[in-house]
Amino acid sequence: MSVDRTSAVTSRRRLPVLLAVLAIALSWLQIGIAGSARAQHADPAVRYMDGVARELIAASRTNSPATLQSVILRHADLGYMGAQGLGDYGTQLSAADKPAYLSGMTRWMARYATSEATKYQVSHLTFQPDARPAKYGLTVDSTVHMRDGSSYDVSWLLSKSGPGYKVRDAQVMSFWMTPQLNRLFSSYISENGGQVKALVIALNR
């Protein structure tokens, strides 16, 4: 399952238009953002997300999936995302294959996002001033403003990580990212004899 084939599977399965918009979330708004708010946010979770956005703005200038992947690796709650991506198939992932799976997952996310996000002309990103308590962490709300005048609300689910945070999930138009990863990954595993190893190999091609 190369990136191209993954995109083809997505199209064939006719996942919601969400996945197109979700390319913005998968890349964490890294293409075309003029800049996030420069104000010093009082809320530490909002300040963290503002910092992540700035890192991704810098990464976008390289147009390099590898550079974007490095940012994802620094800021993503990989354990949670990886487990949600596999869902019920997670028990089949061996300890030996877990590092390759997580590396392949983030590599795929970065490559897919880089190829898709160029379709979206983002003007700027704004944040709500305060994070909201959530069942599994904190939610930071933002609005993605497009150059054509439209906008999308994107909420970021953060988990605590030591003194800071990690990005655990993203919600666009009431849809969360990790269930969409699960749908895509589970479909591929099912089509390949129910073997998680097949997905791990495909993600690392």
N, C-alpha and C. Protein backbone atom coordinates (compact mmCIF):
# COMPACT_ATOMS: atom_id res chain seq x y z
N MET A 1 0.85 -1.19 0.00
CA MET A 1 0.00 0.00 0.00
C MET A 1 0.88 1.23 0.00
N SER A 2 1.28 1.67 -1.14
CA SER A 2 2.02 2.92 -1.24
C SER A 2 1.07 4.06 -0.94
N VAL A 3 1.58 5.30 -0.86
CA VAL A 3 0.72 6.45 -0.63
C VAL A 3 -0.31 6.55 -1.73
N ASP A 4 0.15 6.33 -2.98
CA ASP A 4 -0.78 6.42 -4.10
C ASP A 4 -1.89 5.39 -3.98
N ARG A 5 -1.54 4.17 -3.62
CA ARG A 5 -2.55 3.15 -3.50
C ARG A 5 -3.48 3.44 -2.33
N THR A 6 -2.91 3.96 -1.25
CA THR A 6 -3.74 4.33 -0.11
C THR A 6 -4.78 5.35 -0.52
N SER A 7 -4.37 6.35 -1.29
CA SER A 7 -5.31 7.35 -1.77
C SER A 7 -6.37 6.72 -2.65
N ALA A 8 -5.96 5.73 -3.46
CA ALA A 8 -6.92 5.06 -4.32
C ALA A 8 -7.93 4.28 -3.50
N VAL A 9 -7.44 3.61 -2.45
CA VAL A 9 -8.36 2.87 -1.57
C VAL A 9 -9.35 3.83 -0.94
N THR A 10 -8.85 4.99 -0.50
CA THR A 10 -9.73 5.99 0.10
C THR A 10 -10.82 6.39 -0.87
N SER A 11 -10.43 6.65 -2.12
CA SER A 11 -11.40 7.07 -3.13
C SER A 11 -12.38 5.96 -3.41
N ARG A 12 -11.87 4.73 -3.53
CA ARG A 12 -12.74 3.61 -3.88
C ARG A 12 -13.76 3.37 -2.79
N ARG A 13 -13.36 3.56 -1.55
CA ARG A 13 -14.27 3.33 -0.44
C ARG A 13 -15.25 4.49 -0.26
N ARG A 14 -15.03 5.56 -1.00
CA ARG A 14 -15.92 6.71 -0.94
C ARG A 14 -16.12 7.19 0.51
N LEU A 15 -15.02 7.35 1.22
CA LEU A 15 -15.10 7.93 2.55
C LEU A 15 -15.64 9.35 2.41
N PRO A 16 -16.21 9.89 3.47
CA PRO A 16 -16.82 11.22 3.38
C PRO A 16 -15.84 12.25 2.87
N VAL A 17 -16.39 13.33 2.34
CA VAL A 17 -15.56 14.45 1.91
C VAL A 17 -14.67 14.87 3.06
N LEU A 18 -15.04 14.44 4.27
CA LEU A 18 -14.24 14.69 5.45
C LEU A 18 -12.77 14.43 5.21
N LEU A 19 -12.42 13.33 4.56
CA LEU A 19 -11.02 13.00 4.42
C LEU A 19 -10.29 14.04 3.59
N ALA A 20 -11.00 14.66 2.67
CA ALA A 20 -10.38 15.72 1.90
C ALA A 20 -10.07 16.90 2.81
N VAL A 21 -11.09 17.32 3.59
CA VAL A 21 -10.86 18.41 4.53
C VAL A 21 -9.88 17.97 5.61
N LEU A 22 -9.94 16.70 5.96
CA LEU A 22 -9.10 16.18 7.04
C LEU A 22 -7.63 16.21 6.67
N ALA A 23 -7.34 16.33 5.38
CA ALA A 23 -5.93 16.47 4.99
C ALA A 23 -5.33 17.67 5.70
N ILE A 24 -6.16 18.69 5.92
CA ILE A 24 -5.69 19.86 6.66
C ILE A 24 -5.34 19.44 8.09
N ALA A 25 -6.21 18.65 8.71
CA ALA A 25 -5.96 18.22 10.07
C ALA A 25 -4.79 17.26 10.15
N LEU A 26 -4.69 16.35 9.20
CA LEU A 26 -3.60 15.40 9.20
C LEU A 26 -2.26 16.10 9.11
N SER A 27 -2.23 17.19 8.35
CA SER A 27 -1.00 17.94 8.22
C SER A 27 -0.90 19.01 9.29
N TRP A 28 -1.94 19.08 10.15
CA TRP A 28 -2.02 20.09 11.19
C TRP A 28 -1.81 21.47 10.58
N LEU A 29 -2.49 21.69 9.45
CA LEU A 29 -2.57 23.00 8.83
C LEU A 29 -1.20 23.50 8.39
N GLN A 30 -0.37 22.62 7.85
CA GLN A 30 1.00 23.01 7.57
C GLN A 30 1.20 23.64 6.21
N ILE A 31 0.22 23.60 5.32
CA ILE A 31 0.41 24.18 4.00
C ILE A 31 -0.39 25.48 3.89
N GLY A 32 0.24 26.53 3.49
CA GLY A 32 -0.45 27.76 3.10
C GLY A 32 -0.88 28.66 4.23
N ILE A 33 -0.56 28.35 5.46
CA ILE A 33 -0.98 29.22 6.55
C ILE A 33 -0.11 30.46 6.58
N ALA A 34 -0.75 31.60 6.54
CA ALA A 34 0.00 32.85 6.58
C ALA A 34 0.63 33.05 7.96
N GLY A 35 -0.05 32.56 8.98
CA GLY A 35 0.50 32.67 10.34
C GLY A 35 -0.60 32.50 11.36
N SER A 36 -0.26 31.93 12.50
CA SER A 36 -1.23 31.84 13.58
C SER A 36 -1.14 33.10 14.41
N ALA A 37 -2.09 33.26 15.31
CA ALA A 37 -2.12 34.47 16.13
C ALA A 37 -0.81 34.60 16.90
N ARG A 38 -0.24 35.78 16.88
CA ARG A 38 1.05 35.99 17.53
C ARG A 38 0.90 36.38 18.99
N ALA A 39 -0.33 36.53 19.45
CA ALA A 39 -0.55 36.94 20.83
C ALA A 39 -0.03 35.87 21.79
N GLN A 40 0.36 36.28 22.98
CA GLN A 40 0.79 35.36 24.01
C GLN A 40 -0.44 34.83 24.73
N HIS A 41 -0.84 33.62 24.38
CA HIS A 41 -2.04 33.04 24.98
C HIS A 41 -1.80 32.72 26.45
N ALA A 42 -2.77 33.05 27.29
CA ALA A 42 -2.65 32.79 28.72
C ALA A 42 -2.80 31.30 29.02
N ASP A 43 -3.69 30.62 28.29
CA ASP A 43 -3.94 29.20 28.52
C ASP A 43 -2.75 28.40 27.97
N PRO A 44 -2.10 27.57 28.82
CA PRO A 44 -0.90 26.85 28.35
C PRO A 44 -1.20 25.86 27.22
N ALA A 45 -2.39 25.25 27.22
CA ALA A 45 -2.73 24.31 26.15
C ALA A 45 -2.89 25.03 24.82
N VAL A 46 -3.51 26.20 24.85
CA VAL A 46 -3.67 26.99 23.63
C VAL A 46 -2.31 27.50 23.17
N ARG A 47 -1.49 27.90 24.12
CA ARG A 47 -0.14 28.37 23.78
C ARG A 47 0.66 27.24 23.13
N TYR A 48 0.48 26.03 23.64
CA TYR A 48 1.16 24.87 23.05
C TYR A 48 0.74 24.67 21.60
N MET A 49 -0.58 24.69 21.33
CA MET A 49 -1.06 24.47 19.97
C MET A 49 -0.60 25.58 19.04
N ASP A 50 -0.53 26.80 19.54
CA ASP A 50 -0.02 27.90 18.74
C ASP A 50 1.43 27.63 18.36
N GLY A 51 2.21 27.09 19.30
CA GLY A 51 3.59 26.76 19.01
C GLY A 51 3.72 25.65 17.98
N VAL A 52 2.84 24.63 18.09
CA VAL A 52 2.84 23.55 17.11
C VAL A 52 2.56 24.11 15.72
N ALA A 53 1.57 25.01 15.63
CA ALA A 53 1.23 25.60 14.34
C ALA A 53 2.43 26.33 13.75
N ARG A 54 3.17 27.03 14.58
CA ARG A 54 4.34 27.77 14.08
C ARG A 54 5.41 26.81 13.56
N GLU A 55 5.61 25.70 14.27
CA GLU A 55 6.57 24.71 13.79
C GLU A 55 6.16 24.18 12.42
N LEU A 56 4.87 23.95 12.25
CA LEU A 56 4.39 23.39 11.00
C LEU A 56 4.44 24.40 9.87
N ILE A 57 4.27 25.66 10.21
CA ILE A 57 4.44 26.70 9.19
C ILE A 57 5.87 26.64 8.65
N ALA A 58 6.83 26.52 9.57
CA ALA A 58 8.23 26.43 9.14
C ALA A 58 8.46 25.17 8.32
N ALA A 59 7.86 24.04 8.75
CA ALA A 59 8.03 22.78 8.02
C ALA A 59 7.44 22.87 6.63
N SER A 60 6.34 23.62 6.48
CA SER A 60 5.68 23.71 5.19
C SER A 60 6.56 24.37 4.15
N ARG A 61 7.45 25.23 4.58
CA ARG A 61 8.31 25.94 3.64
C ARG A 61 9.28 25.00 2.94
N THR A 62 9.52 23.85 3.55
CA THR A 62 10.43 22.88 2.94
C THR A 62 9.69 21.99 1.94
N ASN A 63 8.36 21.90 2.05
CA ASN A 63 7.54 21.00 1.22
C ASN A 63 8.10 19.58 1.26
N SER A 64 8.58 19.20 2.42
CA SER A 64 9.23 17.90 2.61
C SER A 64 8.42 17.02 3.55
N PRO A 65 7.91 15.86 3.08
CA PRO A 65 7.20 14.95 3.98
C PRO A 65 8.05 14.53 5.17
N ALA A 66 9.35 14.35 4.95
CA ALA A 66 10.22 13.94 6.06
C ALA A 66 10.28 14.99 7.15
N THR A 67 10.32 16.26 6.75
CA THR A 67 10.34 17.34 7.73
C THR A 67 9.03 17.39 8.49
N LEU A 68 7.91 17.23 7.78
CA LEU A 68 6.61 17.21 8.44
C LEU A 68 6.51 16.01 9.37
N GLN A 69 7.02 14.86 8.94
CA GLN A 69 6.97 13.68 9.79
C GLN A 69 7.71 13.92 11.10
N SER A 70 8.82 14.63 11.04
CA SER A 70 9.58 14.88 12.26
C SER A 70 8.77 15.71 13.25
N VAL A 71 7.96 16.65 12.74
CA VAL A 71 7.12 17.45 13.63
C VAL A 71 6.01 16.58 14.22
N ILE A 72 5.42 15.74 13.40
CA ILE A 72 4.38 14.83 13.89
C ILE A 72 4.95 13.92 14.98
N LEU A 73 6.14 13.39 14.75
CA LEU A 73 6.75 12.50 15.74
C LEU A 73 6.98 13.22 17.07
N ARG A 74 7.32 14.51 17.01
CA ARG A 74 7.55 15.27 18.24
C ARG A 74 6.27 15.54 19.01
N HIS A 75 5.17 15.78 18.29
CA HIS A 75 3.98 16.31 18.95
C HIS A 75 2.78 15.37 19.01
N ALA A 76 2.80 14.27 18.29
CA ALA A 76 1.65 13.38 18.29
C ALA A 76 1.68 12.42 19.47
N ASP A 77 0.51 12.10 20.00
CA ASP A 77 0.36 11.04 20.99
C ASP A 77 0.33 9.73 20.21
N LEU A 78 1.51 9.23 19.86
CA LEU A 78 1.62 8.12 18.92
C LEU A 78 0.98 6.84 19.43
N GLY A 79 1.12 6.57 20.73
CA GLY A 79 0.52 5.36 21.27
C GLY A 79 -0.98 5.34 21.08
N TYR A 80 -1.63 6.47 21.37
CA TYR A 80 -3.09 6.55 21.22
C TYR A 80 -3.48 6.48 19.74
N MET A 81 -2.84 7.28 18.90
CA MET A 81 -3.19 7.27 17.48
C MET A 81 -2.99 5.89 16.86
N GLY A 82 -1.87 5.27 17.20
CA GLY A 82 -1.59 3.95 16.64
C GLY A 82 -2.61 2.92 17.06
N ALA A 83 -2.98 2.93 18.34
CA ALA A 83 -3.97 1.97 18.84
C ALA A 83 -5.33 2.21 18.20
N GLN A 84 -5.73 3.46 18.08
CA GLN A 84 -7.02 3.77 17.47
C GLN A 84 -7.02 3.41 15.99
N GLY A 85 -5.89 3.59 15.32
CA GLY A 85 -5.81 3.26 13.91
C GLY A 85 -6.04 1.78 13.65
N LEU A 86 -5.55 0.92 14.54
CA LEU A 86 -5.72 -0.52 14.36
C LEU A 86 -7.03 -1.05 14.93
N GLY A 87 -7.56 -0.40 15.95
CA GLY A 87 -8.83 -0.86 16.54
C GLY A 87 -8.73 -2.29 17.01
N ASP A 88 -9.69 -3.13 16.59
CA ASP A 88 -9.74 -4.53 17.02
C ASP A 88 -8.56 -5.35 16.53
N TYR A 89 -7.87 -4.87 15.51
CA TYR A 89 -6.71 -5.60 15.01
C TYR A 89 -5.47 -5.35 15.86
N GLY A 90 -5.57 -4.45 16.83
CA GLY A 90 -4.41 -4.08 17.63
C GLY A 90 -3.77 -5.24 18.37
N THR A 91 -4.56 -6.23 18.77
CA THR A 91 -4.00 -7.36 19.51
C THR A 91 -3.07 -8.20 18.65
N GLN A 92 -3.15 -8.03 17.33
CA GLN A 92 -2.30 -8.80 16.44
C GLN A 92 -0.94 -8.14 16.18
N LEU A 93 -0.79 -6.89 16.62
CA LEU A 93 0.47 -6.19 16.39
C LEU A 93 1.50 -6.66 17.41
N SER A 94 2.58 -7.25 16.92
CA SER A 94 3.62 -7.75 17.83
C SER A 94 4.45 -6.59 18.35
N ALA A 95 5.08 -6.81 19.49
CA ALA A 95 5.94 -5.79 20.07
C ALA A 95 7.08 -5.46 19.10
N ALA A 96 7.56 -6.47 18.38
CA ALA A 96 8.67 -6.25 17.45
C ALA A 96 8.26 -5.36 16.28
N ASP A 97 6.98 -5.45 15.87
CA ASP A 97 6.50 -4.67 14.72
C ASP A 97 5.98 -3.29 15.09
N LYS A 98 5.79 -3.03 16.39
CA LYS A 98 5.18 -1.76 16.80
C LYS A 98 5.98 -0.54 16.35
N PRO A 99 7.30 -0.50 16.54
CA PRO A 99 8.05 0.68 16.08
C PRO A 99 7.90 0.91 14.58
N ALA A 100 7.94 -0.16 13.79
CA ALA A 100 7.80 -0.01 12.33
C ALA A 100 6.40 0.46 11.97
N TYR A 101 5.40 -0.01 12.70
CA TYR A 101 4.02 0.43 12.44
C TYR A 101 3.87 1.92 12.72
N LEU A 102 4.35 2.38 13.87
CA LEU A 102 4.19 3.80 14.22
C LEU A 102 4.99 4.69 13.27
N SER A 103 6.19 4.25 12.93
CA SER A 103 6.99 5.02 11.97
C SER A 103 6.31 5.07 10.61
N GLY A 104 5.78 3.93 10.17
CA GLY A 104 5.09 3.89 8.88
C GLY A 104 3.82 4.71 8.88
N MET A 105 3.09 4.68 10.00
CA MET A 105 1.86 5.47 10.10
C MET A 105 2.14 6.96 9.96
N THR A 106 3.14 7.45 10.69
CA THR A 106 3.45 8.88 10.62
C THR A 106 4.04 9.25 9.27
N ARG A 107 4.79 8.34 8.67
CA ARG A 107 5.33 8.60 7.33
C ARG A 107 4.20 8.72 6.32
N TRP A 108 3.21 7.81 6.41
CA TRP A 108 2.06 7.86 5.51
C TRP A 108 1.27 9.15 5.72
N MET A 109 1.03 9.51 6.98
CA MET A 109 0.30 10.73 7.27
C MET A 109 0.99 11.94 6.66
N ALA A 110 2.31 12.02 6.82
CA ALA A 110 3.05 13.17 6.31
C ALA A 110 3.01 13.22 4.78
N ARG A 111 3.19 12.07 4.13
CA ARG A 111 3.19 12.04 2.67
C ARG A 111 1.79 12.35 2.12
N TYR A 112 0.78 11.75 2.74
CA TYR A 112 -0.59 12.00 2.28
C TYR A 112 -0.96 13.46 2.47
N ALA A 113 -0.63 13.99 3.62
CA ALA A 113 -0.98 15.38 3.91
C ALA A 113 -0.26 16.34 2.97
N THR A 114 1.02 16.09 2.71
CA THR A 114 1.76 16.97 1.82
C THR A 114 1.17 16.97 0.43
N SER A 115 0.74 15.80 -0.05
CA SER A 115 0.19 15.72 -1.40
C SER A 115 -1.21 16.32 -1.50
N GLU A 116 -1.99 16.23 -0.43
CA GLU A 116 -3.38 16.69 -0.47
C GLU A 116 -3.55 18.14 -0.04
N ALA A 117 -2.74 18.59 0.90
CA ALA A 117 -2.98 19.90 1.49
C ALA A 117 -2.75 21.04 0.50
N THR A 118 -2.01 20.79 -0.57
CA THR A 118 -1.80 21.84 -1.56
C THR A 118 -3.10 22.22 -2.26
N LYS A 119 -4.12 21.38 -2.15
CA LYS A 119 -5.41 21.68 -2.77
C LYS A 119 -6.19 22.72 -1.98
N TYR A 120 -5.75 23.00 -0.77
CA TYR A 120 -6.49 23.89 0.11
C TYR A 120 -5.70 25.17 0.34
N GLN A 121 -6.30 26.27 -0.02
CA GLN A 121 -5.64 27.56 0.12
C GLN A 121 -6.06 28.19 1.45
N VAL A 122 -5.24 27.95 2.47
CA VAL A 122 -5.53 28.43 3.81
C VAL A 122 -4.99 29.84 3.99
N SER A 123 -5.81 30.70 4.58
CA SER A 123 -5.39 32.07 4.82
C SER A 123 -4.71 32.20 6.19
N HIS A 124 -5.42 31.79 7.24
CA HIS A 124 -4.84 31.90 8.57
C HIS A 124 -5.61 31.04 9.55
N LEU A 125 -5.07 30.93 10.74
CA LEU A 125 -5.62 30.09 11.80
C LEU A 125 -5.81 30.92 13.06
N THR A 126 -6.97 30.80 13.68
CA THR A 126 -7.22 31.50 14.95
C THR A 126 -7.64 30.49 16.01
N PHE A 127 -7.35 30.81 17.27
CA PHE A 127 -7.67 29.94 18.39
C PHE A 127 -8.67 30.60 19.32
N GLN A 128 -9.51 29.78 19.94
CA GLN A 128 -10.29 30.25 21.08
C GLN A 128 -9.33 30.45 22.25
N PRO A 129 -9.61 31.40 23.14
CA PRO A 129 -8.62 31.74 24.17
C PRO A 129 -8.42 30.68 25.25
N ASP A 130 -9.41 29.81 25.46
CA ASP A 130 -9.32 28.85 26.55
C ASP A 130 -9.58 27.43 26.06
N ALA A 131 -8.81 26.47 26.59
CA ALA A 131 -9.05 25.06 26.32
C ALA A 131 -10.27 24.58 27.11
N ARG A 132 -10.89 23.50 26.62
CA ARG A 132 -12.05 22.93 27.29
C ARG A 132 -11.70 21.55 27.86
N PRO A 133 -12.20 21.22 29.06
CA PRO A 133 -11.98 19.87 29.58
C PRO A 133 -12.66 18.85 28.66
N ALA A 134 -11.99 17.72 28.46
CA ALA A 134 -12.54 16.64 27.65
C ALA A 134 -12.37 15.33 28.42
N LYS A 135 -13.06 14.30 27.98
CA LYS A 135 -13.03 13.02 28.69
C LYS A 135 -11.62 12.46 28.75
N TYR A 136 -10.87 12.65 27.67
CA TYR A 136 -9.53 12.08 27.61
C TYR A 136 -8.43 13.14 27.53
N GLY A 137 -8.70 14.31 28.05
CA GLY A 137 -7.67 15.34 28.03
C GLY A 137 -8.27 16.73 27.96
N LEU A 138 -7.74 17.55 27.06
CA LEU A 138 -8.21 18.92 26.87
C LEU A 138 -8.46 19.14 25.38
N THR A 139 -9.45 19.98 25.09
CA THR A 139 -9.76 20.32 23.71
C THR A 139 -9.43 21.78 23.46
N VAL A 140 -8.66 22.03 22.41
CA VAL A 140 -8.34 23.39 21.97
C VAL A 140 -9.08 23.62 20.66
N ASP A 141 -9.90 24.65 20.63
CA ASP A 141 -10.71 24.94 19.45
C ASP A 141 -10.04 25.99 18.57
N SER A 142 -10.09 25.75 17.27
CA SER A 142 -9.52 26.70 16.33
C SER A 142 -10.43 26.84 15.12
N THR A 143 -10.18 27.86 14.33
CA THR A 143 -10.90 28.06 13.08
C THR A 143 -9.88 28.22 11.97
N VAL A 144 -10.06 27.43 10.90
CA VAL A 144 -9.20 27.52 9.73
C VAL A 144 -9.91 28.43 8.72
N HIS A 145 -9.28 29.53 8.39
CA HIS A 145 -9.85 30.48 7.45
C HIS A 145 -9.24 30.26 6.07
N MET A 146 -10.10 30.00 5.07
CA MET A 146 -9.63 29.75 3.72
C MET A 146 -9.58 31.06 2.93
N ARG A 147 -8.75 31.06 1.90
CA ARG A 147 -8.61 32.26 1.10
C ARG A 147 -9.86 32.60 0.30
N ASP A 148 -10.74 31.63 0.09
CA ASP A 148 -11.98 31.92 -0.63
C ASP A 148 -13.08 32.47 0.28
N GLY A 149 -12.75 32.69 1.55
CA GLY A 149 -13.71 33.25 2.49
C GLY A 149 -14.42 32.23 3.35
N SER A 150 -14.33 30.95 3.01
CA SER A 150 -14.95 29.90 3.83
C SER A 150 -14.06 29.60 5.04
N SER A 151 -14.60 28.84 5.97
CA SER A 151 -13.83 28.50 7.16
C SER A 151 -14.29 27.15 7.70
N TYR A 152 -13.42 26.51 8.46
CA TYR A 152 -13.72 25.22 9.08
C TYR A 152 -13.30 25.28 10.54
N ASP A 153 -14.16 24.75 11.40
CA ASP A 153 -13.80 24.63 12.81
C ASP A 153 -13.03 23.34 13.00
N VAL A 154 -11.88 23.43 13.62
CA VAL A 154 -11.06 22.25 13.91
C VAL A 154 -10.75 22.25 15.41
N SER A 155 -11.08 21.14 16.07
CA SER A 155 -10.79 20.99 17.50
C SER A 155 -9.66 19.98 17.67
N TRP A 156 -8.75 20.30 18.56
CA TRP A 156 -7.58 19.46 18.81
C TRP A 156 -7.69 18.85 20.20
N LEU A 157 -7.60 17.53 20.28
CA LEU A 157 -7.64 16.84 21.56
C LEU A 157 -6.21 16.64 22.03
N LEU A 158 -5.90 17.19 23.19
CA LEU A 158 -4.55 17.11 23.75
C LEU A 158 -4.54 16.20 24.97
N SER A 159 -3.46 15.46 25.11
CA SER A 159 -3.24 14.67 26.32
C SER A 159 -2.04 15.24 27.05
N LYS A 160 -2.00 15.08 28.37
CA LYS A 160 -0.87 15.53 29.15
C LYS A 160 0.32 14.62 28.90
N SER A 161 1.49 15.23 28.80
CA SER A 161 2.73 14.47 28.61
C SER A 161 3.81 15.14 29.45
N GLY A 162 4.04 14.61 30.64
CA GLY A 162 4.97 15.26 31.56
C GLY A 162 4.46 16.66 31.88
N PRO A 163 5.31 17.67 31.75
CA PRO A 163 4.87 19.04 32.03
C PRO A 163 4.15 19.68 30.84
N GLY A 164 4.10 18.97 29.70
CA GLY A 164 3.51 19.55 28.50
C GLY A 164 2.35 18.74 27.97
N TYR A 165 2.22 18.71 26.65
CA TYR A 165 1.08 18.08 26.00
C TYR A 165 1.52 17.32 24.75
N LYS A 166 0.62 16.46 24.28
CA LYS A 166 0.74 15.81 22.98
C LYS A 166 -0.60 15.95 22.27
N VAL A 167 -0.55 15.97 20.94
CA VAL A 167 -1.79 16.03 20.15
C VAL A 167 -2.28 14.61 19.95
N ARG A 168 -3.48 14.34 20.42
CA ARG A 168 -4.05 13.00 20.42
C ARG A 168 -5.00 12.77 19.26
N ASP A 169 -5.75 13.79 18.86
CA ASP A 169 -6.75 13.62 17.80
C ASP A 169 -7.15 14.99 17.30
N ALA A 170 -7.85 15.02 16.17
CA ALA A 170 -8.36 16.27 15.61
C ALA A 170 -9.76 16.03 15.06
N GLN A 171 -10.62 17.01 15.24
CA GLN A 171 -12.02 16.91 14.81
C GLN A 171 -12.32 18.00 13.79
N VAL A 172 -12.84 17.57 12.64
CA VAL A 172 -13.24 18.49 11.58
C VAL A 172 -14.70 18.21 11.24
N MET A 173 -15.53 19.23 11.27
CA MET A 173 -16.95 19.08 10.91
C MET A 173 -17.60 17.93 11.67
N SER A 174 -17.32 17.83 12.96
CA SER A 174 -17.88 16.84 13.89
C SER A 174 -17.30 15.43 13.70
N PHE A 175 -16.35 15.25 12.79
CA PHE A 175 -15.72 13.94 12.60
C PHE A 175 -14.30 13.97 13.17
N TRP A 176 -13.96 12.89 13.89
CA TRP A 176 -12.63 12.77 14.45
C TRP A 176 -11.69 12.06 13.49
N MET A 177 -10.40 12.37 13.57
CA MET A 177 -9.41 11.83 12.66
C MET A 177 -9.16 10.34 12.88
N THR A 178 -8.96 9.91 14.14
CA THR A 178 -8.53 8.53 14.36
C THR A 178 -9.55 7.48 13.91
N PRO A 179 -10.87 7.70 14.04
CA PRO A 179 -11.79 6.71 13.47
C PRO A 179 -11.66 6.59 11.96
N GLN A 180 -11.30 7.68 11.28
CA GLN A 180 -11.10 7.60 9.84
C GLN A 180 -9.83 6.80 9.51
N LEU A 181 -8.79 6.97 10.31
CA LEU A 181 -7.61 6.14 10.13
C LEU A 181 -7.96 4.67 10.34
N ASN A 182 -8.76 4.41 11.38
CA ASN A 182 -9.16 3.04 11.67
C ASN A 182 -9.94 2.44 10.49
N ARG A 183 -10.83 3.21 9.92
CA ARG A 183 -11.62 2.71 8.80
C ARG A 183 -10.72 2.37 7.62
N LEU A 184 -9.78 3.25 7.33
CA LEU A 184 -8.88 3.04 6.21
C LEU A 184 -7.94 1.87 6.45
N PHE A 185 -7.31 1.83 7.62
CA PHE A 185 -6.36 0.76 7.93
C PHE A 185 -7.07 -0.59 8.04
N SER A 186 -8.24 -0.62 8.68
CA SER A 186 -8.96 -1.87 8.84
C SER A 186 -9.40 -2.44 7.49
N SER A 187 -9.78 -1.55 6.58
CA SER A 187 -10.17 -2.01 5.24
C SER A 187 -8.99 -2.67 4.55
N TYR A 188 -7.81 -2.07 4.67
CA TYR A 188 -6.64 -2.64 4.03
C TYR A 188 -6.27 -3.99 4.64
N ILE A 189 -6.30 -4.07 5.97
CA ILE A 189 -5.98 -5.33 6.64
C ILE A 189 -6.97 -6.41 6.22
N SER A 190 -8.26 -6.08 6.20
CA SER A 190 -9.29 -7.04 5.81
C SER A 190 -9.08 -7.55 4.39
N GLU A 191 -8.66 -6.65 3.49
CA GLU A 191 -8.44 -7.03 2.09
C GLU A 191 -7.16 -7.84 1.91
N ASN A 192 -6.34 -7.91 2.96
CA ASN A 192 -5.08 -8.64 2.88
C ASN A 192 -5.02 -9.76 3.91
N GLY A 193 -6.10 -10.51 3.96
CA GLY A 193 -6.15 -11.71 4.77
C GLY A 193 -6.21 -11.49 6.25
N GLY A 194 -6.57 -10.27 6.67
CA GLY A 194 -6.66 -9.99 8.09
C GLY A 194 -5.30 -9.92 8.77
N GLN A 195 -4.26 -9.68 8.00
CA GLN A 195 -2.90 -9.68 8.53
C GLN A 195 -2.41 -8.26 8.79
N VAL A 196 -2.20 -7.92 10.06
CA VAL A 196 -1.67 -6.60 10.41
C VAL A 196 -0.28 -6.40 9.81
N LYS A 197 0.47 -7.48 9.71
CA LYS A 197 1.82 -7.39 9.15
C LYS A 197 1.79 -6.81 7.74
N ALA A 198 0.74 -7.11 6.98
CA ALA A 198 0.62 -6.59 5.61
C ALA A 198 0.53 -5.07 5.63
N LEU A 199 -0.21 -4.52 6.60
CA LEU A 199 -0.31 -3.07 6.72
C LEU A 199 1.04 -2.47 7.12
N VAL A 200 1.72 -3.09 8.05
CA VAL A 200 3.02 -2.58 8.50
C VAL A 200 4.00 -2.51 7.33
N ILE A 201 4.02 -3.57 6.53
CA ILE A 201 4.92 -3.59 5.37
C ILE A 201 4.53 -2.50 4.38
N ALA A 202 3.22 -2.38 4.12
CA ALA A 202 2.74 -1.40 3.14
C ALA A 202 3.06 0.03 3.57
N LEU A 203 2.86 0.34 4.85
CA LEU A 203 3.11 1.69 5.32
C LEU A 203 4.58 2.09 5.24
N ASN A 204 5.45 1.12 5.20
CA ASN A 204 6.89 1.39 5.18
C ASN A 204 7.51 1.27 3.79
N ARG A 205 6.69 1.10 2.76
CA ARG A 205 7.23 1.05 1.40
C ARG A 205 7.63 2.42 0.94
